[in-house]
Amino acid sequence: MKHVTLTLTIVALLLVLVGNNSVAQKLGEKVYWMATIEVPLGKQPDYHSMLQKEQMPAMEKYGWKFVGVWQTIVGDIENVIILAEFNDMNAYHTARGAFRGSDEWKVISRKLDEMTTNVKTAFLNAAPYSKMK
């Protein structure tokens, strides 16, 4: 029992230290959601069309603000990168929940399953010297 208590104490201490990381998002700072989506070459025209005409308008309706969409041209040329801006993590969670609970998502998610092979996401903060704040 002493080992369990000691282990839990160490884990709790580590969580407190990590939670106080000065690099982590500060309250009120904008956050950027980045998704890297693998789209097989033969499906890219259909994917870009669906993204532009269906997915992005639906997401914008629920609070997503798109900064840009890119297609890689060297290296992993099957990657599409999407960047969206939110006022803070709460705004992201609200927008994500609203979109994922929508009828549009039910249709779009099926299409994404057919057109994509992998999705990786990350959250970013602008560096203090970045023009994007």
N, C-alpha and C. Protein backbone atom coordinates (compact mmCIF):
# COMPACT_ATOMS: atom_id res chain seq x y z
N MET A 1 0.83 -1.20 0.00
CA MET A 1 0.00 0.00 0.00
C MET A 1 0.87 1.25 0.00
N LYS A 2 2.03 1.18 0.68
CA LYS A 2 2.92 2.34 0.70
C LYS A 2 3.44 2.66 -0.70
N HIS A 3 3.70 1.61 -1.50
CA HIS A 3 4.19 1.82 -2.86
C HIS A 3 3.13 2.50 -3.72
N VAL A 4 1.89 2.11 -3.56
CA VAL A 4 0.79 2.72 -4.32
C VAL A 4 0.65 4.19 -3.94
N THR A 5 0.68 4.49 -2.65
CA THR A 5 0.57 5.87 -2.18
C THR A 5 1.73 6.71 -2.69
N LEU A 6 2.94 6.16 -2.61
CA LEU A 6 4.11 6.88 -3.09
C LEU A 6 4.02 7.12 -4.60
N THR A 7 3.61 6.11 -5.34
CA THR A 7 3.48 6.24 -6.79
C THR A 7 2.44 7.31 -7.14
N LEU A 8 1.29 7.27 -6.48
CA LEU A 8 0.26 8.27 -6.75
C LEU A 8 0.73 9.68 -6.38
N THR A 9 1.49 9.81 -5.31
CA THR A 9 2.02 11.10 -4.91
C THR A 9 2.99 11.63 -5.96
N ILE A 10 3.85 10.76 -6.47
CA ILE A 10 4.81 11.17 -7.51
C ILE A 10 4.08 11.58 -8.79
N VAL A 11 3.08 10.80 -9.19
CA VAL A 11 2.31 11.13 -10.39
C VAL A 11 1.61 12.47 -10.21
N ALA A 12 1.00 12.70 -9.06
CA ALA A 12 0.31 13.96 -8.79
C ALA A 12 1.29 15.13 -8.84
N LEU A 13 2.47 14.95 -8.27
CA LEU A 13 3.49 16.00 -8.28
C LEU A 13 3.94 16.31 -9.71
N LEU A 14 4.13 15.27 -10.51
CA LEU A 14 4.52 15.48 -11.91
C LEU A 14 3.44 16.22 -12.68
N LEU A 15 2.19 15.88 -12.44
CA LEU A 15 1.09 16.57 -13.11
C LEU A 15 1.04 18.05 -12.74
N VAL A 16 1.31 18.35 -11.48
CA VAL A 16 1.32 19.74 -11.04
C VAL A 16 2.47 20.49 -11.72
N LEU A 17 3.64 19.86 -11.79
CA LEU A 17 4.79 20.51 -12.42
C LEU A 17 4.56 20.71 -13.91
N VAL A 18 4.02 19.71 -14.58
CA VAL A 18 3.74 19.83 -16.02
C VAL A 18 2.66 20.87 -16.26
N GLY A 19 1.66 20.91 -15.40
CA GLY A 19 0.57 21.87 -15.54
C GLY A 19 1.02 23.30 -15.38
N ASN A 20 2.13 23.53 -14.71
CA ASN A 20 2.65 24.88 -14.51
C ASN A 20 3.70 25.25 -15.52
N ASN A 21 3.86 24.47 -16.56
CA ASN A 21 4.85 24.72 -17.59
C ASN A 21 4.59 26.09 -18.21
N SER A 22 5.62 26.96 -18.19
CA SER A 22 5.44 28.32 -18.70
C SER A 22 5.25 28.37 -20.20
N VAL A 23 5.59 27.31 -20.92
CA VAL A 23 5.41 27.28 -22.36
C VAL A 23 3.97 26.92 -22.72
N ALA A 24 3.25 26.30 -21.82
CA ALA A 24 1.88 25.88 -22.09
C ALA A 24 0.99 27.11 -22.33
N GLN A 25 -0.15 26.88 -22.93
CA GLN A 25 -1.07 27.97 -23.25
C GLN A 25 -1.46 28.74 -22.01
N LYS A 26 -1.42 30.03 -22.13
CA LYS A 26 -1.91 30.90 -21.07
C LYS A 26 -3.37 31.21 -21.37
N LEU A 27 -4.14 31.43 -20.36
CA LEU A 27 -5.56 31.71 -20.52
C LEU A 27 -5.77 32.89 -21.45
N GLY A 28 -6.66 32.73 -22.40
CA GLY A 28 -7.00 33.82 -23.30
C GLY A 28 -6.18 33.88 -24.56
N GLU A 29 -5.09 33.09 -24.66
CA GLU A 29 -4.28 33.11 -25.87
C GLU A 29 -4.97 32.32 -26.97
N LYS A 30 -4.82 32.79 -28.19
CA LYS A 30 -5.37 32.05 -29.32
C LYS A 30 -4.63 30.73 -29.48
N VAL A 31 -5.35 29.74 -29.94
CA VAL A 31 -4.75 28.45 -30.24
C VAL A 31 -5.05 28.12 -31.70
N TYR A 32 -4.17 27.35 -32.27
CA TYR A 32 -4.30 26.94 -33.66
C TYR A 32 -4.36 25.42 -33.70
N TRP A 33 -5.37 24.92 -34.39
CA TRP A 33 -5.55 23.49 -34.59
C TRP A 33 -4.96 23.16 -35.95
N MET A 34 -4.04 22.22 -35.98
CA MET A 34 -3.43 21.81 -37.23
C MET A 34 -3.73 20.34 -37.46
N ALA A 35 -4.23 20.03 -38.64
CA ALA A 35 -4.48 18.65 -39.01
C ALA A 35 -3.65 18.33 -40.24
N THR A 36 -2.98 17.18 -40.20
CA THR A 36 -2.28 16.66 -41.37
C THR A 36 -3.03 15.41 -41.79
N ILE A 37 -3.62 15.49 -42.97
CA ILE A 37 -4.49 14.42 -43.46
C ILE A 37 -3.81 13.74 -44.64
N GLU A 38 -3.71 12.42 -44.57
CA GLU A 38 -3.17 11.66 -45.70
C GLU A 38 -4.30 11.31 -46.64
N VAL A 39 -4.16 11.76 -47.88
CA VAL A 39 -5.17 11.52 -48.91
C VAL A 39 -4.47 10.87 -50.10
N PRO A 40 -4.82 9.63 -50.43
CA PRO A 40 -4.20 8.99 -51.59
C PRO A 40 -4.33 9.87 -52.84
N LEU A 41 -3.29 9.84 -53.68
CA LEU A 41 -3.24 10.73 -54.85
C LEU A 41 -4.49 10.67 -55.70
N GLY A 42 -5.04 9.51 -55.95
CA GLY A 42 -6.22 9.39 -56.80
C GLY A 42 -7.48 9.98 -56.19
N LYS A 43 -7.46 10.20 -54.88
CA LYS A 43 -8.65 10.73 -54.20
C LYS A 43 -8.54 12.21 -53.86
N GLN A 44 -7.39 12.81 -54.15
CA GLN A 44 -7.18 14.21 -53.77
C GLN A 44 -8.15 15.19 -54.42
N PRO A 45 -8.45 15.09 -55.72
CA PRO A 45 -9.42 16.06 -56.29
C PRO A 45 -10.78 16.00 -55.59
N ASP A 46 -11.28 14.79 -55.33
CA ASP A 46 -12.57 14.65 -54.65
C ASP A 46 -12.48 15.16 -53.21
N TYR A 47 -11.36 14.89 -52.54
CA TYR A 47 -11.19 15.34 -51.16
C TYR A 47 -11.19 16.87 -51.10
N HIS A 48 -10.39 17.51 -51.95
CA HIS A 48 -10.32 18.98 -51.92
C HIS A 48 -11.68 19.60 -52.25
N SER A 49 -12.40 19.01 -53.17
CA SER A 49 -13.73 19.51 -53.51
C SER A 49 -14.68 19.39 -52.32
N MET A 50 -14.67 18.24 -51.67
CA MET A 50 -15.54 18.03 -50.51
C MET A 50 -15.14 18.96 -49.36
N LEU A 51 -13.83 19.10 -49.13
CA LEU A 51 -13.35 19.98 -48.06
C LEU A 51 -13.82 21.41 -48.30
N GLN A 52 -13.65 21.90 -49.53
CA GLN A 52 -14.01 23.28 -49.85
C GLN A 52 -15.51 23.52 -49.84
N LYS A 53 -16.27 22.61 -50.41
CA LYS A 53 -17.69 22.85 -50.60
C LYS A 53 -18.58 22.38 -49.46
N GLU A 54 -18.11 21.38 -48.69
CA GLU A 54 -18.96 20.82 -47.64
C GLU A 54 -18.37 20.96 -46.24
N GLN A 55 -17.16 20.44 -46.06
CA GLN A 55 -16.60 20.35 -44.71
C GLN A 55 -16.28 21.72 -44.11
N MET A 56 -15.54 22.54 -44.84
CA MET A 56 -15.17 23.85 -44.28
C MET A 56 -16.39 24.73 -44.01
N PRO A 57 -17.35 24.84 -44.95
CA PRO A 57 -18.53 25.66 -44.63
C PRO A 57 -19.30 25.14 -43.41
N ALA A 58 -19.39 23.82 -43.27
CA ALA A 58 -20.09 23.26 -42.11
C ALA A 58 -19.33 23.58 -40.83
N MET A 59 -18.01 23.43 -40.85
CA MET A 59 -17.21 23.71 -39.66
C MET A 59 -17.27 25.19 -39.29
N GLU A 60 -17.21 26.06 -40.31
CA GLU A 60 -17.28 27.50 -40.05
C GLU A 60 -18.61 27.88 -39.39
N LYS A 61 -19.65 27.19 -39.77
CA LYS A 61 -20.97 27.42 -39.19
C LYS A 61 -20.96 27.19 -37.67
N TYR A 62 -20.07 26.30 -37.21
CA TYR A 62 -20.00 25.96 -35.79
C TYR A 62 -18.82 26.63 -35.07
N GLY A 63 -18.18 27.60 -35.71
CA GLY A 63 -17.18 28.40 -35.01
C GLY A 63 -15.73 28.19 -35.41
N TRP A 64 -15.47 27.40 -36.43
CA TRP A 64 -14.09 27.21 -36.89
C TRP A 64 -13.70 28.38 -37.77
N LYS A 65 -12.49 28.92 -37.56
CA LYS A 65 -11.98 30.01 -38.40
C LYS A 65 -10.72 29.48 -39.08
N PHE A 66 -10.82 29.25 -40.38
CA PHE A 66 -9.71 28.65 -41.11
C PHE A 66 -8.67 29.69 -41.50
N VAL A 67 -7.41 29.35 -41.25
CA VAL A 67 -6.29 30.21 -41.59
C VAL A 67 -5.77 29.83 -42.98
N GLY A 68 -5.73 28.53 -43.26
CA GLY A 68 -5.24 28.09 -44.56
C GLY A 68 -5.30 26.59 -44.72
N VAL A 69 -5.18 26.17 -45.97
CA VAL A 69 -5.11 24.75 -46.33
C VAL A 69 -3.95 24.62 -47.31
N TRP A 70 -3.10 23.62 -47.09
CA TRP A 70 -1.94 23.42 -47.94
C TRP A 70 -1.89 21.97 -48.42
N GLN A 71 -1.28 21.79 -49.57
CA GLN A 71 -1.03 20.46 -50.13
C GLN A 71 0.49 20.32 -50.26
N THR A 72 1.06 19.26 -49.71
CA THR A 72 2.50 19.07 -49.84
C THR A 72 2.83 18.73 -51.29
N ILE A 73 3.98 19.21 -51.74
CA ILE A 73 4.39 18.98 -53.13
C ILE A 73 5.72 18.27 -53.25
N VAL A 74 6.42 18.11 -52.14
CA VAL A 74 7.69 17.38 -52.11
C VAL A 74 7.64 16.47 -50.89
N GLY A 75 8.20 15.30 -50.99
CA GLY A 75 8.21 14.38 -49.85
C GLY A 75 6.90 13.62 -49.77
N ASP A 76 6.24 13.72 -48.64
CA ASP A 76 4.95 13.04 -48.43
C ASP A 76 3.86 13.81 -49.17
N ILE A 77 3.77 13.59 -50.50
CA ILE A 77 2.87 14.41 -51.32
C ILE A 77 1.41 14.04 -51.16
N GLU A 78 1.11 13.10 -50.30
CA GLU A 78 -0.29 12.76 -50.04
C GLU A 78 -0.86 13.54 -48.86
N ASN A 79 -0.09 14.49 -48.32
CA ASN A 79 -0.53 15.22 -47.13
C ASN A 79 -1.23 16.52 -47.47
N VAL A 80 -2.35 16.75 -46.79
CA VAL A 80 -3.06 18.02 -46.83
C VAL A 80 -2.98 18.56 -45.40
N ILE A 81 -2.58 19.81 -45.26
CA ILE A 81 -2.46 20.43 -43.94
C ILE A 81 -3.51 21.52 -43.82
N ILE A 82 -4.26 21.47 -42.74
CA ILE A 82 -5.31 22.45 -42.48
C ILE A 82 -4.98 23.15 -41.17
N LEU A 83 -5.12 24.47 -41.15
CA LEU A 83 -4.87 25.24 -39.94
C LEU A 83 -6.10 26.09 -39.64
N ALA A 84 -6.60 25.98 -38.41
CA ALA A 84 -7.75 26.78 -37.97
C ALA A 84 -7.40 27.49 -36.67
N GLU A 85 -7.97 28.66 -36.47
CA GLU A 85 -7.69 29.50 -35.30
C GLU A 85 -8.90 29.54 -34.38
N PHE A 86 -8.62 29.50 -33.07
CA PHE A 86 -9.65 29.64 -32.04
C PHE A 86 -9.16 30.63 -31.00
N ASN A 87 -10.09 31.32 -30.36
CA ASN A 87 -9.69 32.28 -29.33
C ASN A 87 -9.00 31.63 -28.15
N ASP A 88 -9.39 30.40 -27.83
CA ASP A 88 -8.77 29.65 -26.74
C ASP A 88 -9.23 28.20 -26.85
N MET A 89 -8.76 27.34 -25.96
CA MET A 89 -9.11 25.92 -26.01
C MET A 89 -10.60 25.70 -25.76
N ASN A 90 -11.21 26.53 -24.93
CA ASN A 90 -12.65 26.39 -24.70
C ASN A 90 -13.44 26.63 -25.99
N ALA A 91 -13.02 27.61 -26.77
CA ALA A 91 -13.69 27.88 -28.04
C ALA A 91 -13.53 26.69 -28.99
N TYR A 92 -12.35 26.08 -28.99
CA TYR A 92 -12.13 24.89 -29.82
C TYR A 92 -13.08 23.77 -29.40
N HIS A 93 -13.12 23.48 -28.10
CA HIS A 93 -13.95 22.38 -27.61
C HIS A 93 -15.43 22.63 -27.91
N THR A 94 -15.87 23.87 -27.79
CA THR A 94 -17.26 24.20 -28.11
C THR A 94 -17.54 23.98 -29.59
N ALA A 95 -16.66 24.48 -30.45
CA ALA A 95 -16.85 24.33 -31.90
C ALA A 95 -16.77 22.87 -32.32
N ARG A 96 -15.82 22.14 -31.76
CA ARG A 96 -15.66 20.72 -32.11
C ARG A 96 -16.90 19.94 -31.69
N GLY A 97 -17.37 20.17 -30.47
CA GLY A 97 -18.54 19.45 -29.98
C GLY A 97 -19.78 19.73 -30.82
N ALA A 98 -19.96 21.00 -31.20
CA ALA A 98 -21.12 21.37 -32.01
C ALA A 98 -21.05 20.72 -33.39
N PHE A 99 -19.87 20.76 -34.00
CA PHE A 99 -19.72 20.16 -35.33
C PHE A 99 -19.87 18.65 -35.27
N ARG A 100 -19.22 18.01 -34.31
CA ARG A 100 -19.29 16.55 -34.21
C ARG A 100 -20.68 16.05 -33.84
N GLY A 101 -21.51 16.91 -33.29
CA GLY A 101 -22.88 16.53 -32.96
C GLY A 101 -23.88 16.88 -34.06
N SER A 102 -23.39 17.40 -35.16
CA SER A 102 -24.29 17.88 -36.22
C SER A 102 -24.63 16.79 -37.24
N ASP A 103 -25.70 17.03 -37.96
CA ASP A 103 -26.08 16.14 -39.06
C ASP A 103 -25.04 16.19 -40.18
N GLU A 104 -24.45 17.38 -40.39
CA GLU A 104 -23.41 17.50 -41.43
C GLU A 104 -22.25 16.54 -41.15
N TRP A 105 -21.85 16.44 -39.88
CA TRP A 105 -20.73 15.57 -39.51
C TRP A 105 -21.02 14.11 -39.87
N LYS A 106 -22.25 13.68 -39.69
CA LYS A 106 -22.60 12.29 -40.00
C LYS A 106 -22.31 11.98 -41.47
N VAL A 107 -22.64 12.90 -42.34
CA VAL A 107 -22.41 12.72 -43.78
C VAL A 107 -20.92 12.87 -44.11
N ILE A 108 -20.31 13.93 -43.60
CA ILE A 108 -18.91 14.23 -43.90
C ILE A 108 -17.99 13.15 -43.38
N SER A 109 -18.24 12.64 -42.19
CA SER A 109 -17.34 11.62 -41.61
C SER A 109 -17.31 10.36 -42.46
N ARG A 110 -18.43 9.98 -43.04
CA ARG A 110 -18.44 8.81 -43.93
C ARG A 110 -17.59 9.07 -45.17
N LYS A 111 -17.70 10.26 -45.71
CA LYS A 111 -16.89 10.61 -46.88
C LYS A 111 -15.41 10.64 -46.54
N LEU A 112 -15.08 11.17 -45.37
CA LEU A 112 -13.67 11.21 -44.95
C LEU A 112 -13.11 9.80 -44.81
N ASP A 113 -13.88 8.89 -44.26
CA ASP A 113 -13.44 7.50 -44.11
C ASP A 113 -13.09 6.89 -45.46
N GLU A 114 -13.82 7.27 -46.50
CA GLU A 114 -13.59 6.72 -47.84
C GLU A 114 -12.42 7.39 -48.56
N MET A 115 -12.07 8.63 -48.18
CA MET A 115 -11.07 9.39 -48.93
C MET A 115 -9.72 9.52 -48.24
N THR A 116 -9.65 9.26 -46.95
CA THR A 116 -8.41 9.50 -46.21
C THR A 116 -7.89 8.21 -45.59
N THR A 117 -6.56 8.21 -45.36
CA THR A 117 -5.96 7.02 -44.74
C THR A 117 -5.44 7.29 -43.33
N ASN A 118 -5.17 8.55 -42.99
CA ASN A 118 -4.64 8.87 -41.67
C ASN A 118 -4.83 10.36 -41.39
N VAL A 119 -5.07 10.68 -40.12
CA VAL A 119 -5.19 12.08 -39.71
C VAL A 119 -4.38 12.25 -38.42
N LYS A 120 -3.54 13.28 -38.41
CA LYS A 120 -2.80 13.65 -37.21
C LYS A 120 -3.16 15.09 -36.89
N THR A 121 -3.39 15.36 -35.61
CA THR A 121 -3.72 16.73 -35.21
C THR A 121 -2.74 17.22 -34.16
N ALA A 122 -2.60 18.53 -34.08
CA ALA A 122 -1.75 19.17 -33.07
C ALA A 122 -2.35 20.52 -32.75
N PHE A 123 -2.05 21.01 -31.56
CA PHE A 123 -2.47 22.35 -31.16
C PHE A 123 -1.23 23.21 -31.03
N LEU A 124 -1.34 24.44 -31.52
CA LEU A 124 -0.20 25.35 -31.56
C LEU A 124 -0.56 26.68 -30.92
N ASN A 125 0.44 27.33 -30.35
CA ASN A 125 0.36 28.73 -29.92
C ASN A 125 1.37 29.49 -30.75
N ALA A 126 1.06 30.74 -31.07
CA ALA A 126 2.01 31.56 -31.80
C ALA A 126 3.16 31.93 -30.86
N ALA A 127 4.37 31.89 -31.39
CA ALA A 127 5.53 32.34 -30.63
C ALA A 127 5.39 33.84 -30.39
N PRO A 128 6.00 34.35 -29.32
CA PRO A 128 5.83 35.78 -28.98
C PRO A 128 6.22 36.73 -30.12
N TYR A 129 7.11 36.32 -31.00
CA TYR A 129 7.57 37.18 -32.09
C TYR A 129 6.83 36.91 -33.41
N SER A 130 5.86 36.01 -33.38
CA SER A 130 5.11 35.70 -34.59
C SER A 130 4.14 36.81 -34.92
N LYS A 131 3.89 37.00 -36.21
CA LYS A 131 2.91 38.01 -36.64
C LYS A 131 1.50 37.53 -36.36
N MET A 132 1.30 36.23 -36.16
CA MET A 132 -0.01 35.67 -35.83
C MET A 132 -0.13 35.63 -34.31
N LYS A 133 -1.01 36.39 -33.76
CA LYS A 133 -1.15 36.41 -32.30
C LYS A 133 -2.56 36.10 -31.92
